[in-house]
Amino acid sequence: MAGRHRAAADDHLRAQLRAATMAAHDLLDEAMQAASGWQRRGDYARFLELQHAARAPLEDWLAAHAPPSLQPPRQTPLIARDLAALGRRVPPPAPLFTMGRIGTGHALGAAWVLAGSALGNRSIARQVARIGAGTWPVAFLGDEAMPAFWQALRTRIEQRAAPDEAAGATHAAEAVFAYFLAVAQGPQSLAAGQGALP
């Protein structure tokens, strides 16, 4: 009976998305750590610059293609505030993010990646508070709006999805992770993909 319960739980969309993007998630974590490191004030600024550069095109894409219920709170203004407090300018956005033809589930998958990142931000915030002795700005990492959006999104993704919606959400989630990874790896990686993902 317990095995049947677990199998049913594993059929929900969140489990499918996590399974499909687990390797990409690990790669992105490693790339962000390698690109910034969070050990010095400049490292932290670099992390925020990467976040802003990647999120600006993704937020624009969601604003253009997602219904209001699937548009996560914009994080780039918070990142810009933190960068200003660190004496850094907002970087130019990464190249346009696109997935070609927009289909069922795409907005959901993209929203899931951005909203889920708020969970990791809590852990990073603790590291930043320790390394920066509580003096580094954390408007982005300490934001409460995205975790609230995530909680609302959970009710939608913790259930079974129609096959076409699940496929579209998975495709979009993989594309967003790949885009973030390309930004973290630098201009050459983005140039190779021309800022667009299949």
N, C-alpha and C. Protein backbone atom coordinates (compact mmCIF):
# COMPACT_ATOMS: atom_id res chain seq x y z
N MET A 1 0.82 -1.21 0.00
CA MET A 1 0.00 0.00 0.00
C MET A 1 0.86 1.26 0.00
N ALA A 2 1.90 1.28 0.85
CA ALA A 2 2.79 2.44 0.91
C ALA A 2 3.48 2.64 -0.43
N GLY A 3 3.88 1.54 -1.08
CA GLY A 3 4.53 1.65 -2.38
C GLY A 3 3.62 2.26 -3.41
N ARG A 4 2.32 1.90 -3.35
CA ARG A 4 1.36 2.46 -4.30
C ARG A 4 1.18 3.96 -4.06
N HIS A 5 1.15 4.35 -2.76
CA HIS A 5 1.03 5.77 -2.41
C HIS A 5 2.21 6.55 -2.97
N ARG A 6 3.42 6.00 -2.81
CA ARG A 6 4.62 6.68 -3.28
C ARG A 6 4.60 6.81 -4.80
N ALA A 7 4.18 5.75 -5.49
CA ALA A 7 4.13 5.80 -6.95
C ALA A 7 3.17 6.88 -7.41
N ALA A 8 2.01 7.01 -6.71
CA ALA A 8 1.05 8.03 -7.08
C ALA A 8 1.63 9.41 -6.86
N ALA A 9 2.33 9.61 -5.73
CA ALA A 9 2.93 10.91 -5.44
C ALA A 9 3.99 11.27 -6.47
N ASP A 10 4.73 10.27 -6.92
CA ASP A 10 5.80 10.52 -7.87
C ASP A 10 5.27 10.85 -9.26
N ASP A 11 3.96 10.67 -9.48
CA ASP A 11 3.38 11.00 -10.77
C ASP A 11 3.06 12.49 -10.90
N HIS A 12 3.10 13.23 -9.79
CA HIS A 12 2.71 14.62 -9.90
C HIS A 12 3.78 15.42 -10.66
N LEU A 13 3.36 16.57 -11.17
CA LEU A 13 4.20 17.34 -12.08
C LEU A 13 5.49 17.80 -11.43
N ARG A 14 5.44 18.17 -10.17
CA ARG A 14 6.66 18.64 -9.50
C ARG A 14 7.74 17.56 -9.51
N ALA A 15 7.34 16.32 -9.23
CA ALA A 15 8.31 15.22 -9.23
C ALA A 15 8.88 15.01 -10.62
N GLN A 16 8.05 15.12 -11.63
CA GLN A 16 8.53 14.96 -13.01
C GLN A 16 9.53 16.05 -13.37
N LEU A 17 9.22 17.28 -13.00
CA LEU A 17 10.12 18.39 -13.30
C LEU A 17 11.45 18.25 -12.57
N ARG A 18 11.38 17.86 -11.32
CA ARG A 18 12.62 17.68 -10.55
C ARG A 18 13.49 16.58 -11.15
N ALA A 19 12.87 15.48 -11.53
CA ALA A 19 13.63 14.37 -12.11
C ALA A 19 14.28 14.79 -13.43
N ALA A 20 13.54 15.55 -14.23
CA ALA A 20 14.04 15.93 -15.55
C ALA A 20 15.17 16.95 -15.49
N THR A 21 15.20 17.75 -14.42
CA THR A 21 16.18 18.85 -14.35
C THR A 21 17.23 18.66 -13.26
N MET A 22 17.26 17.51 -12.62
CA MET A 22 18.18 17.31 -11.50
C MET A 22 19.63 17.54 -11.90
N ALA A 23 20.05 16.95 -13.02
CA ALA A 23 21.44 17.09 -13.46
C ALA A 23 21.74 18.54 -13.83
N ALA A 24 20.80 19.19 -14.52
CA ALA A 24 20.99 20.58 -14.90
C ALA A 24 21.08 21.49 -13.68
N HIS A 25 20.27 21.19 -12.67
CA HIS A 25 20.30 21.97 -11.44
C HIS A 25 21.67 21.87 -10.77
N ASP A 26 22.21 20.67 -10.70
CA ASP A 26 23.53 20.48 -10.10
C ASP A 26 24.61 21.21 -10.89
N LEU A 27 24.54 21.14 -12.21
CA LEU A 27 25.51 21.85 -13.05
C LEU A 27 25.43 23.35 -12.84
N LEU A 28 24.22 23.87 -12.72
CA LEU A 28 24.06 25.31 -12.53
C LEU A 28 24.60 25.75 -11.18
N ASP A 29 24.34 24.97 -10.14
CA ASP A 29 24.88 25.30 -8.82
C ASP A 29 26.41 25.38 -8.86
N GLU A 30 27.01 24.40 -9.52
CA GLU A 30 28.48 24.38 -9.62
C GLU A 30 28.98 25.56 -10.44
N ALA A 31 28.29 25.89 -11.53
CA ALA A 31 28.72 27.00 -12.38
C ALA A 31 28.61 28.33 -11.66
N MET A 32 27.52 28.53 -10.92
CA MET A 32 27.35 29.78 -10.17
C MET A 32 28.41 29.91 -9.08
N GLN A 33 28.70 28.81 -8.42
CA GLN A 33 29.72 28.84 -7.37
C GLN A 33 31.08 29.14 -7.99
N ALA A 34 31.38 28.54 -9.13
CA ALA A 34 32.66 28.78 -9.79
C ALA A 34 32.76 30.21 -10.32
N ALA A 35 31.64 30.75 -10.79
CA ALA A 35 31.65 32.09 -11.38
C ALA A 35 31.71 33.19 -10.34
N SER A 36 31.21 32.92 -9.14
CA SER A 36 31.17 33.99 -8.14
C SER A 36 31.91 33.59 -6.86
N GLY A 37 31.47 32.53 -6.21
CA GLY A 37 32.19 32.02 -5.05
C GLY A 37 31.69 32.50 -3.72
N TRP A 38 31.15 33.72 -3.64
CA TRP A 38 30.57 34.29 -2.43
C TRP A 38 31.56 34.43 -1.27
N GLN A 39 32.84 34.45 -1.57
CA GLN A 39 33.81 34.56 -0.48
C GLN A 39 34.21 36.00 -0.17
N ARG A 40 34.08 36.89 -1.15
CA ARG A 40 34.43 38.30 -0.95
C ARG A 40 33.28 39.17 -1.46
N ARG A 41 33.32 40.43 -1.09
CA ARG A 41 32.28 41.36 -1.51
C ARG A 41 32.14 41.39 -3.04
N GLY A 42 33.27 41.39 -3.73
CA GLY A 42 33.25 41.38 -5.19
C GLY A 42 32.66 40.11 -5.75
N ASP A 43 32.89 38.98 -5.08
CA ASP A 43 32.29 37.71 -5.51
C ASP A 43 30.76 37.79 -5.42
N TYR A 44 30.31 38.34 -4.32
CA TYR A 44 28.86 38.46 -4.12
C TYR A 44 28.25 39.38 -5.18
N ALA A 45 28.93 40.47 -5.48
CA ALA A 45 28.45 41.38 -6.52
C ALA A 45 28.39 40.65 -7.87
N ARG A 46 29.39 39.82 -8.14
CA ARG A 46 29.41 39.07 -9.39
C ARG A 46 28.22 38.10 -9.45
N PHE A 47 27.92 37.46 -8.36
CA PHE A 47 26.76 36.58 -8.28
C PHE A 47 25.48 37.34 -8.61
N LEU A 48 25.32 38.52 -8.02
CA LEU A 48 24.13 39.32 -8.27
C LEU A 48 24.07 39.79 -9.72
N GLU A 49 25.22 40.14 -10.29
CA GLU A 49 25.25 40.55 -11.69
C GLU A 49 24.80 39.42 -12.61
N LEU A 50 25.26 38.21 -12.33
CA LEU A 50 24.85 37.05 -13.13
C LEU A 50 23.35 36.81 -12.99
N GLN A 51 22.85 36.93 -11.77
CA GLN A 51 21.43 36.73 -11.55
C GLN A 51 20.60 37.75 -12.32
N HIS A 52 21.03 39.00 -12.28
CA HIS A 52 20.28 40.05 -12.96
C HIS A 52 20.32 39.85 -14.48
N ALA A 53 21.51 39.56 -14.99
CA ALA A 53 21.66 39.39 -16.44
C ALA A 53 20.77 38.27 -16.96
N ALA A 54 20.67 37.17 -16.22
CA ALA A 54 19.86 36.04 -16.66
C ALA A 54 18.37 36.27 -16.43
N ARG A 55 18.03 36.85 -15.30
CA ARG A 55 16.61 36.99 -14.94
C ARG A 55 15.89 38.04 -15.77
N ALA A 56 16.57 39.09 -16.18
CA ALA A 56 15.88 40.16 -16.91
C ALA A 56 15.20 39.63 -18.18
N PRO A 57 15.89 38.88 -19.04
CA PRO A 57 15.20 38.33 -20.23
C PRO A 57 14.12 37.30 -19.88
N LEU A 58 14.35 36.53 -18.82
CA LEU A 58 13.35 35.53 -18.43
C LEU A 58 12.09 36.20 -17.89
N GLU A 59 12.27 37.25 -17.10
CA GLU A 59 11.11 37.99 -16.59
C GLU A 59 10.34 38.63 -17.75
N ASP A 60 11.07 39.15 -18.72
CA ASP A 60 10.41 39.75 -19.90
C ASP A 60 9.63 38.69 -20.68
N TRP A 61 10.23 37.50 -20.82
CA TRP A 61 9.55 36.43 -21.54
C TRP A 61 8.26 36.03 -20.84
N LEU A 62 8.32 35.88 -19.53
CA LEU A 62 7.12 35.51 -18.78
C LEU A 62 6.07 36.61 -18.85
N ALA A 63 6.50 37.87 -18.79
CA ALA A 63 5.54 38.97 -18.89
C ALA A 63 4.81 38.95 -20.23
N ALA A 64 5.50 38.49 -21.27
CA ALA A 64 4.91 38.46 -22.61
C ALA A 64 4.08 37.21 -22.87
N HIS A 65 4.41 36.10 -22.21
CA HIS A 65 3.80 34.82 -22.59
C HIS A 65 3.02 34.10 -21.49
N ALA A 66 3.15 34.55 -20.25
CA ALA A 66 2.48 33.83 -19.15
C ALA A 66 1.24 34.57 -18.68
N PRO A 67 0.21 33.84 -18.27
CA PRO A 67 -0.94 34.50 -17.64
C PRO A 67 -0.51 35.10 -16.30
N PRO A 68 -1.25 36.06 -15.78
CA PRO A 68 -0.86 36.71 -14.51
C PRO A 68 -0.58 35.72 -13.38
N SER A 69 -1.34 34.64 -13.31
CA SER A 69 -1.15 33.68 -12.22
C SER A 69 0.18 32.94 -12.31
N LEU A 70 0.84 32.98 -13.47
CA LEU A 70 2.12 32.29 -13.65
C LEU A 70 3.27 33.27 -13.88
N GLN A 71 3.07 34.51 -13.48
CA GLN A 71 4.15 35.49 -13.56
C GLN A 71 4.73 35.71 -12.17
N PRO A 72 5.92 35.14 -11.91
CA PRO A 72 6.53 35.33 -10.59
C PRO A 72 6.83 36.80 -10.34
N PRO A 73 6.92 37.20 -9.08
CA PRO A 73 7.30 38.57 -8.78
C PRO A 73 8.66 38.89 -9.40
N ARG A 74 8.78 40.07 -9.97
CA ARG A 74 10.06 40.45 -10.58
C ARG A 74 11.12 40.60 -9.50
N GLN A 75 12.25 39.96 -9.75
CA GLN A 75 13.36 40.00 -8.80
C GLN A 75 14.44 41.00 -9.21
N THR A 76 14.45 41.38 -10.49
CA THR A 76 15.54 42.26 -10.96
C THR A 76 15.57 43.62 -10.26
N PRO A 77 14.43 44.22 -9.89
CA PRO A 77 14.55 45.49 -9.14
C PRO A 77 15.24 45.31 -7.78
N LEU A 78 15.00 44.17 -7.13
CA LEU A 78 15.66 43.90 -5.85
C LEU A 78 17.16 43.70 -6.04
N ILE A 79 17.51 42.98 -7.11
CA ILE A 79 18.93 42.76 -7.39
C ILE A 79 19.61 44.08 -7.71
N ALA A 80 18.92 44.94 -8.47
CA ALA A 80 19.48 46.25 -8.79
C ALA A 80 19.72 47.07 -7.53
N ARG A 81 18.80 46.97 -6.57
CA ARG A 81 18.97 47.69 -5.29
C ARG A 81 20.20 47.18 -4.55
N ASP A 82 20.39 45.86 -4.52
CA ASP A 82 21.57 45.30 -3.86
C ASP A 82 22.86 45.72 -4.56
N LEU A 83 22.85 45.70 -5.88
CA LEU A 83 24.04 46.11 -6.62
C LEU A 83 24.37 47.57 -6.36
N ALA A 84 23.37 48.42 -6.31
CA ALA A 84 23.61 49.83 -6.02
C ALA A 84 24.22 50.00 -4.63
N ALA A 85 23.74 49.22 -3.67
CA ALA A 85 24.29 49.30 -2.31
C ALA A 85 25.74 48.83 -2.27
N LEU A 86 26.12 47.97 -3.21
CA LEU A 86 27.49 47.48 -3.31
C LEU A 86 28.36 48.39 -4.19
N GLY A 87 27.76 49.45 -4.73
CA GLY A 87 28.49 50.36 -5.60
C GLY A 87 28.72 49.82 -7.00
N ARG A 88 27.85 48.92 -7.44
CA ARG A 88 27.98 48.32 -8.77
C ARG A 88 26.79 48.71 -9.63
N ARG A 89 27.05 48.77 -10.93
CA ARG A 89 25.98 49.08 -11.87
C ARG A 89 25.25 47.81 -12.30
N VAL A 90 24.02 48.01 -12.73
CA VAL A 90 23.25 46.89 -13.27
C VAL A 90 23.89 46.48 -14.59
N PRO A 91 24.18 45.19 -14.77
CA PRO A 91 24.81 44.75 -16.03
C PRO A 91 23.80 44.73 -17.17
N PRO A 92 24.27 44.74 -18.40
CA PRO A 92 23.33 44.59 -19.51
C PRO A 92 22.71 43.20 -19.45
N PRO A 93 21.46 43.06 -19.90
CA PRO A 93 20.83 41.74 -19.86
C PRO A 93 21.51 40.79 -20.84
N ALA A 94 21.38 39.52 -20.56
CA ALA A 94 21.86 38.50 -21.49
C ALA A 94 21.00 38.57 -22.75
N PRO A 95 21.42 37.92 -23.82
CA PRO A 95 20.62 37.93 -25.05
C PRO A 95 19.20 37.41 -24.82
N LEU A 96 18.34 37.76 -25.75
CA LEU A 96 16.93 37.39 -25.69
C LEU A 96 16.74 35.91 -25.39
N PHE A 97 15.84 35.62 -24.47
CA PHE A 97 15.48 34.23 -24.19
C PHE A 97 14.25 33.88 -25.01
N THR A 98 14.29 32.76 -25.69
CA THR A 98 13.14 32.32 -26.46
C THR A 98 13.12 30.80 -26.52
N MET A 99 11.92 30.27 -26.72
CA MET A 99 11.78 28.82 -26.91
C MET A 99 11.09 28.52 -28.23
N GLY A 100 11.10 29.48 -29.12
CA GLY A 100 10.41 29.26 -30.38
C GLY A 100 8.91 29.30 -30.17
N ARG A 101 8.22 28.36 -30.74
CA ARG A 101 6.76 28.32 -30.63
C ARG A 101 6.35 28.02 -29.19
N ILE A 102 5.46 28.84 -28.64
CA ILE A 102 5.03 28.69 -27.26
C ILE A 102 3.87 27.70 -27.20
N GLY A 103 3.98 26.72 -26.32
CA GLY A 103 2.95 25.70 -26.21
C GLY A 103 2.43 25.53 -24.79
N THR A 104 1.55 24.59 -24.63
CA THR A 104 0.94 24.29 -23.34
C THR A 104 2.00 23.89 -22.32
N GLY A 105 1.94 24.51 -21.17
CA GLY A 105 2.86 24.15 -20.08
C GLY A 105 4.15 24.93 -20.06
N HIS A 106 4.50 25.64 -21.13
CA HIS A 106 5.78 26.35 -21.17
C HIS A 106 5.88 27.41 -20.07
N ALA A 107 4.84 28.22 -19.92
CA ALA A 107 4.87 29.26 -18.88
C ALA A 107 4.98 28.63 -17.50
N LEU A 108 4.29 27.53 -17.29
CA LEU A 108 4.33 26.85 -16.00
C LEU A 108 5.73 26.35 -15.68
N GLY A 109 6.40 25.74 -16.66
CA GLY A 109 7.75 25.24 -16.42
C GLY A 109 8.74 26.35 -16.14
N ALA A 110 8.64 27.45 -16.88
CA ALA A 110 9.54 28.58 -16.64
C ALA A 110 9.30 29.20 -15.28
N ALA A 111 8.03 29.36 -14.92
CA ALA A 111 7.69 29.92 -13.61
C ALA A 111 8.20 29.03 -12.48
N TRP A 112 8.11 27.71 -12.69
CA TRP A 112 8.56 26.76 -11.66
C TRP A 112 10.05 26.94 -11.37
N VAL A 113 10.86 27.12 -12.40
CA VAL A 113 12.30 27.28 -12.18
C VAL A 113 12.59 28.55 -11.40
N LEU A 114 12.02 29.67 -11.83
CA LEU A 114 12.30 30.93 -11.15
C LEU A 114 11.78 30.91 -9.71
N ALA A 115 10.59 30.38 -9.52
CA ALA A 115 10.02 30.34 -8.17
C ALA A 115 10.80 29.39 -7.27
N GLY A 116 11.18 28.25 -7.81
CA GLY A 116 11.93 27.28 -7.01
C GLY A 116 13.29 27.78 -6.57
N SER A 117 13.84 28.73 -7.32
CA SER A 117 15.16 29.26 -6.95
C SER A 117 15.12 29.98 -5.61
N ALA A 118 13.92 30.42 -5.20
CA ALA A 118 13.80 31.10 -3.91
C ALA A 118 14.17 30.18 -2.76
N LEU A 119 13.97 28.88 -2.93
CA LEU A 119 14.32 27.93 -1.87
C LEU A 119 15.83 27.91 -1.66
N GLY A 120 16.58 27.90 -2.76
CA GLY A 120 18.03 27.94 -2.65
C GLY A 120 18.55 29.27 -2.14
N ASN A 121 17.80 30.33 -2.41
CA ASN A 121 18.24 31.65 -1.97
C ASN A 121 18.33 31.75 -0.45
N ARG A 122 17.47 31.04 0.24
CA ARG A 122 17.52 31.07 1.71
C ARG A 122 18.85 30.55 2.22
N SER A 123 19.32 29.46 1.61
CA SER A 123 20.60 28.89 2.01
C SER A 123 21.74 29.85 1.68
N ILE A 124 21.70 30.45 0.49
CA ILE A 124 22.74 31.41 0.11
C ILE A 124 22.72 32.61 1.04
N ALA A 125 21.54 33.07 1.42
CA ALA A 125 21.42 34.22 2.32
C ALA A 125 22.14 33.97 3.64
N ARG A 126 22.04 32.75 4.14
CA ARG A 126 22.73 32.42 5.40
C ARG A 126 24.24 32.48 5.21
N GLN A 127 24.72 31.98 4.07
CA GLN A 127 26.16 32.05 3.80
C GLN A 127 26.62 33.49 3.67
N VAL A 128 25.84 34.29 2.96
CA VAL A 128 26.19 35.70 2.74
C VAL A 128 26.20 36.46 4.06
N ALA A 129 25.23 36.18 4.92
CA ALA A 129 25.19 36.85 6.22
C ALA A 129 26.42 36.50 7.06
N ARG A 130 26.86 35.25 6.95
CA ARG A 130 28.03 34.83 7.73
C ARG A 130 29.31 35.42 7.15
N ILE A 131 29.49 35.29 5.83
CA ILE A 131 30.73 35.75 5.21
C ILE A 131 30.83 37.28 5.23
N GLY A 132 29.70 37.94 5.00
CA GLY A 132 29.70 39.40 4.97
C GLY A 132 29.47 40.04 6.31
N ALA A 133 29.43 39.22 7.36
CA ALA A 133 29.23 39.72 8.73
C ALA A 133 27.98 40.59 8.84
N GLY A 134 26.96 40.24 8.06
CA GLY A 134 25.69 40.94 8.12
C GLY A 134 25.68 42.31 7.50
N THR A 135 26.74 42.67 6.75
CA THR A 135 26.82 44.02 6.18
C THR A 135 26.48 44.06 4.68
N TRP A 136 26.36 42.91 4.03
CA TRP A 136 26.07 42.91 2.60
C TRP A 136 24.55 42.98 2.39
N PRO A 137 24.11 43.73 1.38
CA PRO A 137 22.67 43.89 1.14
C PRO A 137 22.03 42.60 0.64
N VAL A 138 20.83 42.32 1.12
CA VAL A 138 20.16 41.06 0.76
C VAL A 138 18.68 41.26 0.41
N ALA A 139 18.39 42.36 -0.29
CA ALA A 139 17.00 42.57 -0.71
C ALA A 139 16.52 41.41 -1.59
N PHE A 140 17.38 40.94 -2.47
CA PHE A 140 17.03 39.83 -3.37
C PHE A 140 16.93 38.52 -2.61
N LEU A 141 17.97 38.16 -1.89
CA LEU A 141 17.99 36.87 -1.21
C LEU A 141 16.95 36.79 -0.09
N GLY A 142 16.62 37.92 0.50
CA GLY A 142 15.68 37.93 1.61
C GLY A 142 14.25 38.24 1.22
N ASP A 143 13.97 38.30 -0.07
CA ASP A 143 12.64 38.64 -0.56
C ASP A 143 11.60 37.64 -0.08
N GLU A 144 10.43 38.14 0.33
CA GLU A 144 9.35 37.27 0.79
C GLU A 144 8.30 37.02 -0.30
N ALA A 145 8.28 37.85 -1.34
CA ALA A 145 7.24 37.72 -2.36
C ALA A 145 7.40 36.45 -3.18
N MET A 146 8.63 36.10 -3.53
CA MET A 146 8.83 34.90 -4.35
C MET A 146 8.49 33.62 -3.58
N PRO A 147 8.90 33.47 -2.32
CA PRO A 147 8.47 32.27 -1.59
C PRO A 147 6.94 32.16 -1.49
N ALA A 148 6.26 33.30 -1.37
CA ALA A 148 4.79 33.26 -1.32
C ALA A 148 4.22 32.80 -2.66
N PHE A 149 4.82 33.27 -3.76
CA PHE A 149 4.39 32.82 -5.08
C PHE A 149 4.65 31.32 -5.21
N TRP A 150 5.79 30.86 -4.72
CA TRP A 150 6.13 29.44 -4.78
C TRP A 150 5.09 28.59 -4.06
N GLN A 151 4.67 29.04 -2.89
CA GLN A 151 3.68 28.27 -2.14
C GLN A 151 2.37 28.16 -2.92
N ALA A 152 1.98 29.25 -3.58
CA ALA A 152 0.77 29.21 -4.40
C ALA A 152 0.93 28.28 -5.60
N LEU A 153 2.13 28.29 -6.18
CA LEU A 153 2.39 27.45 -7.36
C LEU A 153 2.37 25.97 -7.01
N ARG A 154 2.74 25.65 -5.79
CA ARG A 154 2.81 24.24 -5.38
C ARG A 154 1.49 23.52 -5.55
N THR A 155 0.39 24.21 -5.27
CA THR A 155 -0.91 23.55 -5.39
C THR A 155 -1.19 23.12 -6.83
N ARG A 156 -0.57 23.80 -7.77
CA ARG A 156 -0.78 23.46 -9.18
C ARG A 156 0.15 22.35 -9.64
N ILE A 157 1.38 22.36 -9.14
CA ILE A 157 2.36 21.39 -9.65
C ILE A 157 2.40 20.10 -8.84
N GLU A 158 1.80 20.08 -7.66
CA GLU A 158 1.80 18.86 -6.87
C GLU A 158 0.54 18.04 -7.15
N GLN A 159 0.25 17.91 -8.42
CA GLN A 159 -0.82 17.05 -8.88
C GLN A 159 -0.46 16.58 -10.29
N ARG A 160 -1.19 15.61 -10.77
CA ARG A 160 -0.90 15.12 -12.11
C ARG A 160 -1.26 16.17 -13.15
N ALA A 161 -0.51 16.17 -14.23
CA ALA A 161 -0.77 17.09 -15.33
C ALA A 161 -1.08 16.29 -16.59
N ALA A 162 -1.82 16.91 -17.48
CA ALA A 162 -2.06 16.28 -18.77
C ALA A 162 -0.73 16.08 -19.49
N PRO A 163 -0.61 15.04 -20.30
CA PRO A 163 0.68 14.75 -20.95
C PRO A 163 1.27 15.93 -21.72
N ASP A 164 0.43 16.68 -22.44
CA ASP A 164 0.98 17.79 -23.22
C ASP A 164 1.45 18.92 -22.31
N GLU A 165 0.75 19.17 -21.20
CA GLU A 165 1.18 20.20 -20.26
C GLU A 165 2.48 19.78 -19.57
N ALA A 166 2.58 18.52 -19.18
CA ALA A 166 3.79 18.02 -18.52
C ALA A 166 4.99 18.10 -19.46
N ALA A 167 4.77 17.74 -20.72
CA ALA A 167 5.87 17.79 -21.70
C ALA A 167 6.31 19.23 -21.93
N GLY A 168 5.35 20.14 -22.06
CA GLY A 168 5.69 21.54 -22.28
C GLY A 168 6.40 22.15 -21.09
N ALA A 169 5.92 21.84 -19.88
CA ALA A 169 6.55 22.38 -18.67
C ALA A 169 7.97 21.85 -18.53
N THR A 170 8.16 20.57 -18.82
CA THR A 170 9.50 19.99 -18.74
C THR A 170 10.44 20.62 -19.75
N HIS A 171 9.98 20.79 -20.97
CA HIS A 171 10.79 21.42 -22.01
C HIS A 171 11.20 22.83 -21.59
N ALA A 172 10.26 23.61 -21.06
CA ALA A 172 10.56 24.98 -20.65
C ALA A 172 11.52 25.01 -19.48
N ALA A 173 11.31 24.12 -18.51
CA ALA A 173 12.20 24.09 -17.34
C ALA A 173 13.63 23.77 -17.77
N GLU A 174 13.78 22.81 -18.65
CA GLU A 174 15.11 22.46 -19.15
C GLU A 174 15.74 23.64 -19.89
N ALA A 175 14.92 24.36 -20.66
CA ALA A 175 15.42 25.51 -21.41
C ALA A 175 15.88 26.62 -20.48
N VAL A 176 15.12 26.87 -19.42
CA VAL A 176 15.49 27.94 -18.48
C VAL A 176 16.77 27.58 -17.74
N PHE A 177 16.89 26.33 -17.31
CA PHE A 177 18.14 25.92 -16.65
C PHE A 177 19.32 26.06 -17.61
N ALA A 178 19.14 25.66 -18.85
CA ALA A 178 20.23 25.78 -19.83
C ALA A 178 20.60 27.24 -20.07
N TYR A 179 19.61 28.10 -20.06
CA TYR A 179 19.86 29.53 -20.26
C TYR A 179 20.67 30.10 -19.10
N PHE A 180 20.24 29.81 -17.87
CA PHE A 180 20.98 30.25 -16.69
C PHE A 180 22.41 29.73 -16.75
N LEU A 181 22.57 28.47 -17.12
CA LEU A 181 23.90 27.88 -17.18
C LEU A 181 24.77 28.60 -18.21
N ALA A 182 24.18 28.92 -19.36
CA ALA A 182 24.93 29.63 -20.40
C ALA A 182 25.38 30.99 -19.91
N VAL A 183 24.52 31.69 -19.17
CA VAL A 183 24.89 33.00 -18.62
C VAL A 183 26.03 32.85 -17.62
N ALA A 184 25.93 31.85 -16.76
CA ALA A 184 26.97 31.64 -15.75
C ALA A 184 28.31 31.27 -16.37
N GLN A 185 28.26 30.57 -17.50
CA GLN A 185 29.51 30.13 -18.14
C GLN A 185 30.14 31.21 -19.00
N GLY A 186 29.41 32.29 -19.26
CA GLY A 186 30.02 33.42 -19.94
C GLY A 186 29.55 33.65 -21.36
N PRO A 187 30.01 34.77 -21.95
CA PRO A 187 29.55 35.20 -23.28
C PRO A 187 29.74 34.17 -24.38
N GLN A 188 30.84 33.42 -24.33
CA GLN A 188 31.08 32.45 -25.40
C GLN A 188 30.02 31.37 -25.43
N SER A 189 29.59 30.95 -24.25
CA SER A 189 28.56 29.92 -24.18
C SER A 189 27.24 30.45 -24.72
N LEU A 190 26.91 31.70 -24.40
CA LEU A 190 25.69 32.29 -24.93
C LEU A 190 25.77 32.51 -26.43
N ALA A 191 26.94 32.93 -26.89
CA ALA A 191 27.10 33.17 -28.33
C ALA A 191 26.90 31.89 -29.11
N ALA A 192 27.34 30.78 -28.55
CA ALA A 192 27.19 29.50 -29.24
C ALA A 192 25.73 29.16 -29.46
N GLY A 193 24.89 29.51 -28.45
CA GLY A 193 23.46 29.25 -28.58
C GLY A 193 22.68 30.44 -29.09
N GLN A 194 23.36 31.56 -29.31
CA GLN A 194 22.74 32.78 -29.80
C GLN A 194 21.60 33.24 -28.91
N GLY A 195 21.69 32.90 -27.61
CA GLY A 195 20.69 33.36 -26.67
C GLY A 195 19.36 32.64 -26.76
N ALA A 196 19.22 31.72 -27.66
CA ALA A 196 17.95 31.04 -27.82
C ALA A 196 18.12 29.56 -27.56
N LEU A 197 17.04 28.95 -27.09
CA LEU A 197 17.09 27.54 -26.77
C LEU A 197 15.96 26.82 -27.49
N PRO A 198 16.16 25.57 -27.87
CA PRO A 198 15.14 24.87 -28.64
C PRO A 198 13.87 24.64 -27.85
